[in-house]
Amino acid sequence: MSDERPTQRPTGPRKKRTFQRRKVCRFCADKAIKIDYKDPRTLRTFITERGKIIPRRISGNCAAHQRLVTEAIKRARNLALIPVAAGHVMP
């Protein structure tokens, strides 16, 4: 018997193929949805559980709508409609 090892895959970093669908701005796709600082339910989808604003590359918003969402979130925070940090509890 020989001490030869069976052929193995090369060790090293493997390239992982990820096929992700192109994200579409939900405000461009559906013109009926409005960005309003008085609607915290809609804005809550664009902030994390820690209270941070989700970036555009993750949310899929276009640049123009991301700017409007950011402004609306900041206005809602000033009026205490949305929590500023994770320690604040929303009913």
C-alpha atoms as a PDB file:
ATOM      1  CA  MET A   1       0.000   0.000   0.000  1.00  0.00           C
ATOM      2  CA  SER A   2       1.195   3.430  -0.792  1.00  0.00           C
ATOM      3  CA  ASP A   3       0.964   6.463   1.424  1.00  0.00           C
ATOM      4  CA  GLU A   4      -0.593   8.560  -1.283  1.00  0.00           C
ATOM      5  CA  ARG A   5      -3.478  10.730  -0.263  1.00  0.00           C
ATOM      6  CA  PRO A   6      -6.587  10.924  -2.363  1.00  0.00           C
ATOM      7  CA  THR A   7      -6.884  14.089  -4.375  1.00  0.00           C
ATOM      8  CA  GLN A   8      -8.203  16.937  -2.294  1.00  0.00           C
ATOM      9  CA  ARG A   9      -9.521  20.347  -3.059  1.00  0.00           C
ATOM     10  CA  PRO A  10      -6.961  23.103  -2.851  1.00  0.00           C
ATOM     11  CA  THR A  11      -6.951  24.682   0.554  1.00  0.00           C
ATOM     12  CA  GLY A  12      -7.503  28.381   0.647  1.00  0.00           C
ATOM     13  CA  PRO A  13     -10.288  30.893   0.413  1.00  0.00           C
ATOM     14  CA  ARG A  14     -13.148  29.707  -1.737  1.00  0.00           C
ATOM     15  CA  LYS A  15     -15.027  32.161  -3.829  1.00  0.00           C
ATOM     16  CA  LYS A  16     -18.642  32.085  -2.864  1.00  0.00           C
ATOM     17  CA  ARG A  17     -21.078  32.952  -5.566  1.00  0.00           C
ATOM     18  CA  THR A  18     -23.992  34.975  -4.373  1.00  0.00           C
ATOM     19  CA  PHE A  19     -26.787  35.661  -6.766  1.00  0.00           C
ATOM     20  CA  GLN A  20     -28.758  38.483  -5.286  1.00  0.00           C
ATOM     21  CA  ARG A  21     -31.700  40.089  -6.887  1.00  0.00           C
ATOM     22  CA  ARG A  22     -31.310  43.771  -7.716  1.00  0.00           C
ATOM     23  CA  LYS A  23     -32.977  45.844  -5.027  1.00  0.00           C
ATOM     24  CA  VAL A  24     -35.670  48.188  -6.259  1.00  0.00           C
ATOM     25  CA  CYS A  25     -36.648  51.430  -4.564  1.00  0.00           C
ATOM     26  CA  ARG A  26     -40.089  50.795  -3.110  1.00  0.00           C
ATOM     27  CA  PHE A  27     -41.037  54.454  -3.481  1.00  0.00           C
ATOM     28  CA  CYS A  28     -40.188  54.480  -7.189  1.00  0.00           C
ATOM     29  CA  ALA A  29     -41.999  51.188  -7.742  1.00  0.00           C
ATOM     30  CA  ASP A  30     -45.191  52.243  -5.935  1.00  0.00           C
ATOM     31  CA  LYS A  31     -45.970  55.940  -6.340  1.00  0.00           C
ATOM     32  CA  ALA A  32     -48.820  55.704  -3.811  1.00  0.00           C
ATOM     33  CA  ILE A  33     -46.416  55.341  -0.859  1.00  0.00           C
ATOM     34  CA  LYS A  34     -45.516  58.742   0.558  1.00  0.00           C
ATOM     35  CA  ILE A  35     -42.591  59.587   2.793  1.00  0.00           C
ATOM     36  CA  ASP A  36     -44.016  61.439   5.773  1.00  0.00           C
ATOM     37  CA  TYR A  37     -42.406  62.133   9.130  1.00  0.00           C
ATOM     38  CA  LYS A  38     -45.809  61.743  10.808  1.00  0.00           C
ATOM     39  CA  ASP A  39     -45.993  58.068   9.774  1.00  0.00           C
ATOM     40  CA  PRO A  40     -43.596  56.214  12.089  1.00  0.00           C
ATOM     41  CA  ARG A  41     -44.824  52.781  10.967  1.00  0.00           C
ATOM     42  CA  THR A  42     -43.425  53.330   7.469  1.00  0.00           C
ATOM     43  CA  LEU A  43     -40.231  54.932   8.740  1.00  0.00           C
ATOM     44  CA  ARG A  44     -39.575  52.143  11.240  1.00  0.00           C
ATOM     45  CA  THR A  45     -38.725  49.798   8.360  1.00  0.00           C
ATOM     46  CA  PHE A  46     -35.723  52.029   7.584  1.00  0.00           C
ATOM     47  CA  ILE A  47     -34.154  52.023  11.037  1.00  0.00           C
ATOM     48  CA  THR A  48     -32.454  49.196  12.899  1.00  0.00           C
ATOM     49  CA  GLU A  49     -33.497  47.935  16.311  1.00  0.00           C
ATOM     50  CA  ARG A  50     -30.660  50.066  17.696  1.00  0.00           C
ATOM     51  CA  GLY A  51     -32.152  53.194  16.139  1.00  0.00           C
ATOM     52  CA  LYS A  52     -29.684  53.676  13.289  1.00  0.00           C
ATOM     53  CA  ILE A  53     -30.785  54.613   9.784  1.00  0.00           C
ATOM     54  CA  ILE A  54     -30.361  51.710   7.348  1.00  0.00           C
ATOM     55  CA  PRO A  55     -28.015  52.635   4.487  1.00  0.00           C
ATOM     56  CA  ARG A  56     -29.153  52.828   0.928  1.00  0.00           C
ATOM     57  CA  ARG A  57     -27.178  49.810  -0.295  1.00  0.00           C
ATOM     58  CA  ILE A  58     -29.087  47.645   2.170  1.00  0.00           C
ATOM     59  CA  SER A  59     -32.534  49.236   2.013  1.00  0.00           C
ATOM     60  CA  GLY A  60     -32.523  49.455  -1.786  1.00  0.00           C
ATOM     61  CA  ASN A  61     -33.760  53.041  -1.942  1.00  0.00           C
ATOM     62  CA  CYS A  62     -32.655  55.348  -4.712  1.00  0.00           C
ATOM     63  CA  ALA A  63     -30.532  58.348  -3.696  1.00  0.00           C
ATOM     64  CA  ALA A  64     -33.354  60.879  -3.885  1.00  0.00           C
ATOM     65  CA  HIS A  65     -35.747  58.826  -1.781  1.00  0.00           C
ATOM     66  CA  GLN A  66     -33.036  57.888   0.718  1.00  0.00           C
ATOM     67  CA  ARG A  67     -32.442  61.595   1.346  1.00  0.00           C
ATOM     68  CA  LEU A  68     -36.170  62.117   1.921  1.00  0.00           C
ATOM     69  CA  VAL A  69     -36.372  59.096   4.245  1.00  0.00           C
ATOM     70  CA  THR A  70     -33.383  60.354   6.249  1.00  0.00           C
ATOM     71  CA  GLU A  71     -34.923  63.804   6.656  1.00  0.00           C
ATOM     72  CA  ALA A  72     -38.258  62.304   7.691  1.00  0.00           C
ATOM     73  CA  ILE A  73     -36.591  60.036  10.274  1.00  0.00           C
ATOM     74  CA  LYS A  74     -34.677  62.959  11.761  1.00  0.00           C
ATOM     75  CA  ARG A  75     -37.837  65.065  11.977  1.00  0.00           C
ATOM     76  CA  ALA A  76     -39.739  62.220  13.589  1.00  0.00           C
ATOM     77  CA  ARG A  77     -36.921  61.786  16.112  1.00  0.00           C
ATOM     78  CA  ASN A  78     -37.103  65.484  17.034  1.00  0.00           C
ATOM     79  CA  LEU A  79     -40.826  65.123  17.708  1.00  0.00           C
ATOM     80  CA  ALA A  80     -40.245  61.866  19.639  1.00  0.00           C
ATOM     81  CA  LEU A  81     -42.318  59.808  17.199  1.00  0.00           C
ATOM     82  CA  ILE A  82     -39.355  57.473  16.647  1.00  0.00           C
ATOM     83  CA  PRO A  83     -36.805  56.528  19.323  1.00  0.00           C
ATOM     84  CA  VAL A  84     -33.398  58.159  19.039  1.00  0.00           C
ATOM     85  CA  ALA A  85     -31.502  55.259  20.641  1.00  0.00           C
ATOM     86  CA  ALA A  86     -32.023  51.624  21.584  1.00  0.00           C
ATOM     87  CA  GLY A  87     -32.825  52.413  25.233  1.00  0.00           C
ATOM     88  CA  HIS A  88     -36.046  54.170  24.367  1.00  0.00           C
ATOM     89  CA  VAL A  89     -39.151  51.998  24.400  1.00  0.00           C
ATOM     90  CA  MET A  90     -41.901  52.408  21.830  1.00  0.00           C
ATOM     91  CA  PRO A  91     -45.450  51.351  22.706  1.00  0.00           C
END
